[in-house]
Amino acid sequence: MKKDIDKKKEEVAVTRAEQVARATVAPLMRFRETEDAYELRLNLPGIEKKNLQVQVEEQTLAIEAHREETPREGLTCIRQEFPVVNYRAAYALPDDVDPEAVSAKLTNGILTVTLKKREAAKPRSIKVSIG
């Protein structure tokens, strides 16, 4: 009987969630600008720091992340609709970004990447004298 059940499990069609789990997707993001920097926020639910790569090469920011599914001892998964997703994205950086002044912070599944502007690109006030 157990062999029949095991065989039946193997014959079950791949579910939509399993198909999604094999996919690599671009994370949801928001890109904002301040006077001194740009801020990129990405939604990476379930991602741990050890499974995250953030790289800047020339004027491109590349982000890759994957979520590991850790099997629990004594627990057999019959159906799973929480996909184990891989994230990948690449963004062309504005020309005024200093590629040496990029920082990233992961908090509660939100990756915040701060891209500082070059000093020459920042607006400055010029005092005008009369006379």
N, C-alpha and C. Protein backbone atom coordinates (compact mmCIF):
# COMPACT_ATOMS: atom_id res chain seq x y z
N MET A 1 0.82 -1.20 0.00
CA MET A 1 0.00 0.00 0.00
C MET A 1 0.87 1.26 0.00
N LYS A 2 1.89 1.29 0.88
CA LYS A 2 2.77 2.46 0.94
C LYS A 2 3.47 2.68 -0.39
N LYS A 3 3.89 1.58 -1.05
CA LYS A 3 4.55 1.70 -2.35
C LYS A 3 3.61 2.33 -3.37
N ASP A 4 2.33 1.96 -3.32
CA ASP A 4 1.35 2.53 -4.24
C ASP A 4 1.20 4.03 -4.02
N ILE A 5 1.17 4.42 -2.75
CA ILE A 5 1.03 5.85 -2.43
C ILE A 5 2.27 6.61 -2.90
N ASP A 6 3.45 6.04 -2.64
CA ASP A 6 4.69 6.69 -3.07
C ASP A 6 4.75 6.81 -4.58
N LYS A 7 4.32 5.76 -5.27
CA LYS A 7 4.32 5.79 -6.74
C LYS A 7 3.35 6.84 -7.25
N LYS A 8 2.19 6.93 -6.61
CA LYS A 8 1.18 7.90 -7.01
C LYS A 8 1.72 9.33 -6.84
N LYS A 9 2.41 9.56 -5.74
CA LYS A 9 3.01 10.89 -5.50
C LYS A 9 3.95 11.26 -6.64
N GLU A 10 4.74 10.30 -7.10
CA GLU A 10 5.69 10.56 -8.18
C GLU A 10 4.99 10.85 -9.49
N GLU A 11 3.79 10.31 -9.66
CA GLU A 11 3.06 10.48 -10.91
C GLU A 11 2.25 11.77 -10.97
N VAL A 12 2.09 12.41 -9.83
CA VAL A 12 1.28 13.63 -9.77
C VAL A 12 1.91 14.70 -10.65
N ALA A 13 1.07 15.39 -11.41
CA ALA A 13 1.56 16.44 -12.31
C ALA A 13 2.21 17.57 -11.52
N VAL A 14 3.13 18.23 -12.17
CA VAL A 14 3.82 19.37 -11.55
C VAL A 14 2.81 20.49 -11.36
N THR A 15 2.72 21.00 -10.14
CA THR A 15 1.77 22.08 -9.86
C THR A 15 2.32 23.41 -10.32
N ARG A 16 1.44 24.38 -10.40
CA ARG A 16 1.85 25.72 -10.80
C ARG A 16 2.90 26.27 -9.84
N ALA A 17 2.73 26.03 -8.55
CA ALA A 17 3.70 26.53 -7.57
C ALA A 17 5.07 25.92 -7.80
N GLU A 18 5.12 24.66 -8.16
CA GLU A 18 6.41 24.03 -8.43
C GLU A 18 7.04 24.62 -9.68
N GLN A 19 6.23 24.96 -10.66
CA GLN A 19 6.75 25.60 -11.86
C GLN A 19 7.32 26.97 -11.53
N VAL A 20 6.59 27.71 -10.71
CA VAL A 20 7.06 29.04 -10.29
C VAL A 20 8.35 28.91 -9.50
N ALA A 21 8.44 27.85 -8.68
CA ALA A 21 9.61 27.66 -7.83
C ALA A 21 10.88 27.50 -8.66
N ARG A 22 10.75 27.08 -9.88
CA ARG A 22 11.91 26.91 -10.75
C ARG A 22 12.28 28.20 -11.46
N ALA A 23 11.46 29.21 -11.32
CA ALA A 23 11.65 30.45 -12.07
C ALA A 23 12.60 31.41 -11.35
N THR A 24 13.21 32.26 -12.15
CA THR A 24 13.97 33.38 -11.62
C THR A 24 13.22 34.64 -12.01
N VAL A 25 12.93 35.47 -11.02
CA VAL A 25 12.11 36.65 -11.26
C VAL A 25 12.84 37.90 -10.81
N ALA A 26 12.41 39.04 -11.36
CA ALA A 26 12.92 40.33 -10.91
C ALA A 26 12.11 40.75 -9.69
N PRO A 27 12.77 41.18 -8.62
CA PRO A 27 12.02 41.60 -7.43
C PRO A 27 11.27 42.91 -7.67
N LEU A 28 10.21 43.10 -6.91
CA LEU A 28 9.51 44.38 -6.93
C LEU A 28 10.46 45.44 -6.38
N MET A 29 10.44 46.62 -6.95
CA MET A 29 11.40 47.64 -6.53
C MET A 29 10.81 49.03 -6.54
N ARG A 30 11.52 49.94 -5.85
CA ARG A 30 11.20 51.38 -5.86
C ARG A 30 12.53 52.12 -5.93
N PHE A 31 12.60 53.11 -6.82
CA PHE A 31 13.82 53.88 -7.03
C PHE A 31 13.51 55.34 -6.74
N ARG A 32 14.24 55.93 -5.77
CA ARG A 32 14.01 57.33 -5.40
C ARG A 32 15.32 58.10 -5.41
N GLU A 33 15.18 59.43 -5.44
CA GLU A 33 16.36 60.30 -5.48
C GLU A 33 16.27 61.35 -4.39
N THR A 34 17.42 61.59 -3.74
CA THR A 34 17.56 62.72 -2.82
C THR A 34 18.63 63.63 -3.41
N GLU A 35 18.96 64.68 -2.70
CA GLU A 35 19.98 65.61 -3.18
C GLU A 35 21.35 64.94 -3.26
N ASP A 36 21.64 64.03 -2.31
CA ASP A 36 22.97 63.42 -2.21
C ASP A 36 23.09 62.02 -2.78
N ALA A 37 21.95 61.34 -2.98
CA ALA A 37 22.04 59.92 -3.35
C ALA A 37 20.75 59.44 -4.02
N TYR A 38 20.84 58.23 -4.54
CA TYR A 38 19.66 57.51 -5.02
C TYR A 38 19.43 56.37 -4.04
N GLU A 39 18.18 55.96 -3.91
CA GLU A 39 17.85 54.84 -3.04
C GLU A 39 17.01 53.84 -3.82
N LEU A 40 17.48 52.61 -3.84
CA LEU A 40 16.78 51.53 -4.50
C LEU A 40 16.32 50.56 -3.42
N ARG A 41 15.02 50.30 -3.35
CA ARG A 41 14.48 49.34 -2.37
C ARG A 41 13.87 48.18 -3.14
N LEU A 42 14.24 46.97 -2.74
CA LEU A 42 13.75 45.77 -3.40
C LEU A 42 13.08 44.85 -2.39
N ASN A 43 11.99 44.25 -2.80
CA ASN A 43 11.25 43.32 -1.96
C ASN A 43 11.81 41.91 -2.17
N LEU A 44 12.48 41.37 -1.15
CA LEU A 44 13.09 40.05 -1.22
C LEU A 44 12.63 39.20 -0.03
N PRO A 45 11.36 38.81 0.01
CA PRO A 45 10.86 38.06 1.17
C PRO A 45 11.56 36.72 1.33
N GLY A 46 11.92 36.42 2.57
CA GLY A 46 12.52 35.13 2.89
C GLY A 46 13.99 35.00 2.56
N ILE A 47 14.61 36.06 2.08
CA ILE A 47 16.02 36.01 1.69
C ILE A 47 16.89 36.30 2.90
N GLU A 48 17.94 35.49 3.07
CA GLU A 48 18.93 35.71 4.11
C GLU A 48 20.18 36.33 3.49
N LYS A 49 20.92 37.05 4.31
CA LYS A 49 22.12 37.75 3.85
C LYS A 49 23.09 36.80 3.14
N LYS A 50 23.23 35.58 3.64
CA LYS A 50 24.18 34.63 3.06
C LYS A 50 23.81 34.21 1.63
N ASN A 51 22.55 34.41 1.25
CA ASN A 51 22.08 34.01 -0.08
C ASN A 51 21.85 35.21 -1.00
N LEU A 52 22.53 36.31 -0.71
CA LEU A 52 22.33 37.56 -1.44
C LEU A 52 23.66 38.08 -1.97
N GLN A 53 23.67 38.48 -3.23
CA GLN A 53 24.86 39.09 -3.83
C GLN A 53 24.46 40.43 -4.44
N VAL A 54 25.22 41.46 -4.10
CA VAL A 54 25.02 42.79 -4.68
C VAL A 54 26.37 43.20 -5.25
N GLN A 55 26.39 43.51 -6.55
CA GLN A 55 27.65 43.87 -7.20
C GLN A 55 27.47 45.11 -8.06
N VAL A 56 28.51 45.93 -8.08
CA VAL A 56 28.54 47.09 -8.98
C VAL A 56 29.74 46.90 -9.89
N GLU A 57 29.46 46.91 -11.18
CA GLU A 57 30.53 46.81 -12.17
C GLU A 57 30.30 47.92 -13.18
N GLU A 58 31.29 48.81 -13.27
CA GLU A 58 31.16 50.01 -14.08
C GLU A 58 29.89 50.75 -13.66
N GLN A 59 28.94 50.94 -14.52
CA GLN A 59 27.72 51.66 -14.16
C GLN A 59 26.50 50.73 -14.13
N THR A 60 26.72 49.48 -13.70
CA THR A 60 25.62 48.52 -13.60
C THR A 60 25.58 47.93 -12.20
N LEU A 61 24.39 47.91 -11.62
CA LEU A 61 24.15 47.28 -10.32
C LEU A 61 23.47 45.95 -10.59
N ALA A 62 24.06 44.86 -10.10
CA ALA A 62 23.49 43.52 -10.29
C ALA A 62 23.14 42.93 -8.93
N ILE A 63 21.95 42.34 -8.86
CA ILE A 63 21.48 41.74 -7.61
C ILE A 63 21.00 40.33 -7.91
N GLU A 64 21.48 39.37 -7.10
CA GLU A 64 21.03 37.99 -7.20
C GLU A 64 20.75 37.48 -5.80
N ALA A 65 19.67 36.72 -5.67
CA ALA A 65 19.31 36.17 -4.36
C ALA A 65 18.52 34.88 -4.57
N HIS A 66 18.67 33.98 -3.62
CA HIS A 66 17.85 32.78 -3.64
C HIS A 66 17.46 32.40 -2.22
N ARG A 67 16.32 31.79 -2.14
CA ARG A 67 15.80 31.37 -0.83
C ARG A 67 15.93 29.86 -0.75
N GLU A 68 16.55 29.39 0.31
CA GLU A 68 16.71 27.96 0.51
C GLU A 68 15.52 27.41 1.29
N GLU A 69 15.05 26.29 0.87
CA GLU A 69 13.98 25.60 1.59
C GLU A 69 14.65 24.50 2.41
N THR A 70 14.59 24.60 3.72
CA THR A 70 15.21 23.62 4.59
C THR A 70 14.18 22.58 4.99
N PRO A 71 14.39 21.32 4.57
CA PRO A 71 13.42 20.28 4.94
C PRO A 71 13.47 20.02 6.45
N ARG A 72 12.30 19.82 7.02
CA ARG A 72 12.22 19.53 8.45
C ARG A 72 12.12 18.03 8.65
N GLU A 73 12.90 17.54 9.57
CA GLU A 73 12.94 16.11 9.85
C GLU A 73 11.57 15.61 10.31
N GLY A 74 11.15 14.50 9.73
CA GLY A 74 9.88 13.90 10.11
C GLY A 74 8.67 14.55 9.45
N LEU A 75 8.90 15.50 8.57
CA LEU A 75 7.80 16.21 7.91
C LEU A 75 7.91 16.00 6.41
N THR A 76 6.84 15.46 5.82
CA THR A 76 6.80 15.24 4.38
C THR A 76 5.87 16.26 3.76
N CYS A 77 6.37 16.98 2.78
CA CYS A 77 5.56 18.00 2.11
C CYS A 77 4.68 17.31 1.07
N ILE A 78 3.38 17.48 1.18
CA ILE A 78 2.43 16.90 0.24
C ILE A 78 2.15 17.89 -0.88
N ARG A 79 2.01 19.15 -0.54
CA ARG A 79 1.77 20.19 -1.54
C ARG A 79 2.36 21.49 -1.01
N GLN A 80 2.96 22.26 -1.89
CA GLN A 80 3.56 23.53 -1.48
C GLN A 80 3.19 24.60 -2.48
N GLU A 81 2.63 25.68 -1.98
CA GLU A 81 2.28 26.81 -2.84
C GLU A 81 3.07 28.06 -2.48
N PHE A 82 4.02 27.91 -1.56
CA PHE A 82 4.97 28.97 -1.27
C PHE A 82 6.18 28.70 -2.15
N PRO A 83 6.34 29.45 -3.22
CA PRO A 83 7.43 29.13 -4.13
C PRO A 83 8.80 29.45 -3.53
N VAL A 84 9.75 28.63 -3.88
CA VAL A 84 11.14 28.90 -3.53
C VAL A 84 11.72 29.64 -4.73
N VAL A 85 11.73 30.96 -4.63
CA VAL A 85 12.02 31.82 -5.78
C VAL A 85 13.47 32.27 -5.77
N ASN A 86 14.02 32.36 -6.96
CA ASN A 86 15.32 33.00 -7.16
C ASN A 86 15.05 34.38 -7.74
N TYR A 87 15.79 35.36 -7.25
CA TYR A 87 15.63 36.73 -7.75
C TYR A 87 16.89 37.14 -8.50
N ARG A 88 16.70 37.88 -9.58
CA ARG A 88 17.84 38.41 -10.33
C ARG A 88 17.40 39.71 -10.99
N ALA A 89 18.25 40.73 -10.89
CA ALA A 89 17.95 42.01 -11.53
C ALA A 89 19.26 42.74 -11.80
N ALA A 90 19.25 43.54 -12.85
CA ALA A 90 20.39 44.40 -13.18
C ALA A 90 19.85 45.76 -13.57
N TYR A 91 20.49 46.80 -13.05
CA TYR A 91 20.03 48.17 -13.29
C TYR A 91 21.20 49.01 -13.78
N ALA A 92 20.96 49.76 -14.85
CA ALA A 92 21.95 50.74 -15.32
C ALA A 92 21.91 51.92 -14.36
N LEU A 93 23.05 52.29 -13.85
CA LEU A 93 23.11 53.38 -12.88
C LEU A 93 23.20 54.72 -13.59
N PRO A 94 22.60 55.75 -12.99
CA PRO A 94 22.74 57.10 -13.55
C PRO A 94 24.23 57.48 -13.59
N ASP A 95 24.58 58.34 -14.52
CA ASP A 95 25.98 58.74 -14.70
C ASP A 95 26.59 59.43 -13.48
N ASP A 96 25.75 60.04 -12.65
CA ASP A 96 26.29 60.78 -11.50
C ASP A 96 26.50 59.91 -10.26
N VAL A 97 26.31 58.59 -10.35
CA VAL A 97 26.53 57.70 -9.21
C VAL A 97 28.01 57.39 -9.08
N ASP A 98 28.51 57.45 -7.85
CA ASP A 98 29.88 57.06 -7.55
C ASP A 98 29.88 55.55 -7.28
N PRO A 99 30.41 54.72 -8.19
CA PRO A 99 30.35 53.27 -7.99
C PRO A 99 31.14 52.78 -6.77
N GLU A 100 32.02 53.62 -6.24
CA GLU A 100 32.79 53.26 -5.04
C GLU A 100 32.02 53.59 -3.75
N ALA A 101 30.90 54.28 -3.87
CA ALA A 101 30.14 54.71 -2.69
C ALA A 101 28.73 54.12 -2.71
N VAL A 102 28.67 52.81 -2.83
CA VAL A 102 27.40 52.10 -2.83
C VAL A 102 27.34 51.24 -1.58
N SER A 103 26.21 51.28 -0.88
CA SER A 103 26.04 50.44 0.30
C SER A 103 24.68 49.74 0.23
N ALA A 104 24.58 48.61 0.92
CA ALA A 104 23.33 47.84 0.90
C ALA A 104 23.03 47.32 2.30
N LYS A 105 21.73 47.27 2.62
CA LYS A 105 21.28 46.80 3.93
C LYS A 105 20.02 45.96 3.73
N LEU A 106 19.98 44.78 4.34
CA LEU A 106 18.82 43.89 4.26
C LEU A 106 18.12 43.86 5.61
N THR A 107 16.86 44.28 5.63
CA THR A 107 16.07 44.30 6.86
C THR A 107 14.67 43.80 6.58
N ASN A 108 14.28 42.73 7.27
CA ASN A 108 12.92 42.18 7.15
C ASN A 108 12.49 41.95 5.70
N GLY A 109 13.38 41.41 4.89
CA GLY A 109 13.05 41.09 3.51
C GLY A 109 13.08 42.26 2.55
N ILE A 110 13.51 43.42 3.02
CA ILE A 110 13.64 44.60 2.16
C ILE A 110 15.12 44.93 2.03
N LEU A 111 15.61 44.92 0.80
CA LEU A 111 16.99 45.32 0.53
C LEU A 111 16.99 46.79 0.14
N THR A 112 17.76 47.59 0.88
CA THR A 112 17.90 49.01 0.57
C THR A 112 19.32 49.24 0.08
N VAL A 113 19.44 49.70 -1.16
CA VAL A 113 20.75 50.00 -1.74
C VAL A 113 20.84 51.51 -1.87
N THR A 114 21.87 52.09 -1.25
CA THR A 114 22.10 53.53 -1.31
C THR A 114 23.24 53.79 -2.28
N LEU A 115 22.96 54.63 -3.26
CA LEU A 115 23.92 54.94 -4.32
C LEU A 115 24.27 56.42 -4.22
N LYS A 116 25.40 56.72 -3.62
CA LYS A 116 25.81 58.12 -3.42
C LYS A 116 26.17 58.76 -4.76
N LYS A 117 25.84 60.04 -4.86
CA LYS A 117 26.20 60.80 -6.06
C LYS A 117 27.64 61.29 -5.95
N ARG A 118 28.27 61.46 -7.09
CA ARG A 118 29.62 62.04 -7.13
C ARG A 118 29.55 63.47 -6.60
N GLU A 119 30.61 63.92 -5.98
CA GLU A 119 30.65 65.28 -5.42
C GLU A 119 30.36 66.33 -6.49
N ALA A 120 30.92 66.17 -7.66
CA ALA A 120 30.74 67.16 -8.73
C ALA A 120 29.29 67.22 -9.21
N ALA A 121 28.54 66.14 -8.99
CA ALA A 121 27.16 66.08 -9.49
C ALA A 121 26.16 66.73 -8.54
N LYS A 122 26.56 66.96 -7.29
CA LYS A 122 25.64 67.54 -6.32
C LYS A 122 25.40 69.02 -6.61
N PRO A 123 24.17 69.47 -6.47
CA PRO A 123 23.90 70.89 -6.69
C PRO A 123 24.54 71.74 -5.59
N ARG A 124 24.99 72.91 -5.96
CA ARG A 124 25.57 73.80 -4.95
C ARG A 124 25.08 75.22 -5.21
N SER A 125 25.00 75.97 -4.16
CA SER A 125 24.57 77.36 -4.28
C SER A 125 25.77 78.25 -4.53
N ILE A 126 25.57 79.22 -5.37
CA ILE A 126 26.63 80.18 -5.67
C ILE A 126 26.15 81.55 -5.22
N LYS A 127 26.95 82.19 -4.39
CA LYS A 127 26.60 83.51 -3.89
C LYS A 127 26.89 84.53 -4.98
N VAL A 128 25.92 85.34 -5.26
CA VAL A 128 26.06 86.36 -6.30
C VAL A 128 26.24 87.72 -5.62
N SER A 129 27.28 88.42 -6.02
CA SER A 129 27.50 89.75 -5.47
C SER A 129 27.04 90.80 -6.49
N ILE A 130 26.59 91.90 -5.97
CA ILE A 130 26.11 92.98 -6.82
C ILE A 130 27.11 94.13 -6.75
N GLY A 131 27.40 94.67 -7.92
CA GLY A 131 28.23 95.86 -7.93
C GLY A 131 29.59 95.72 -8.43
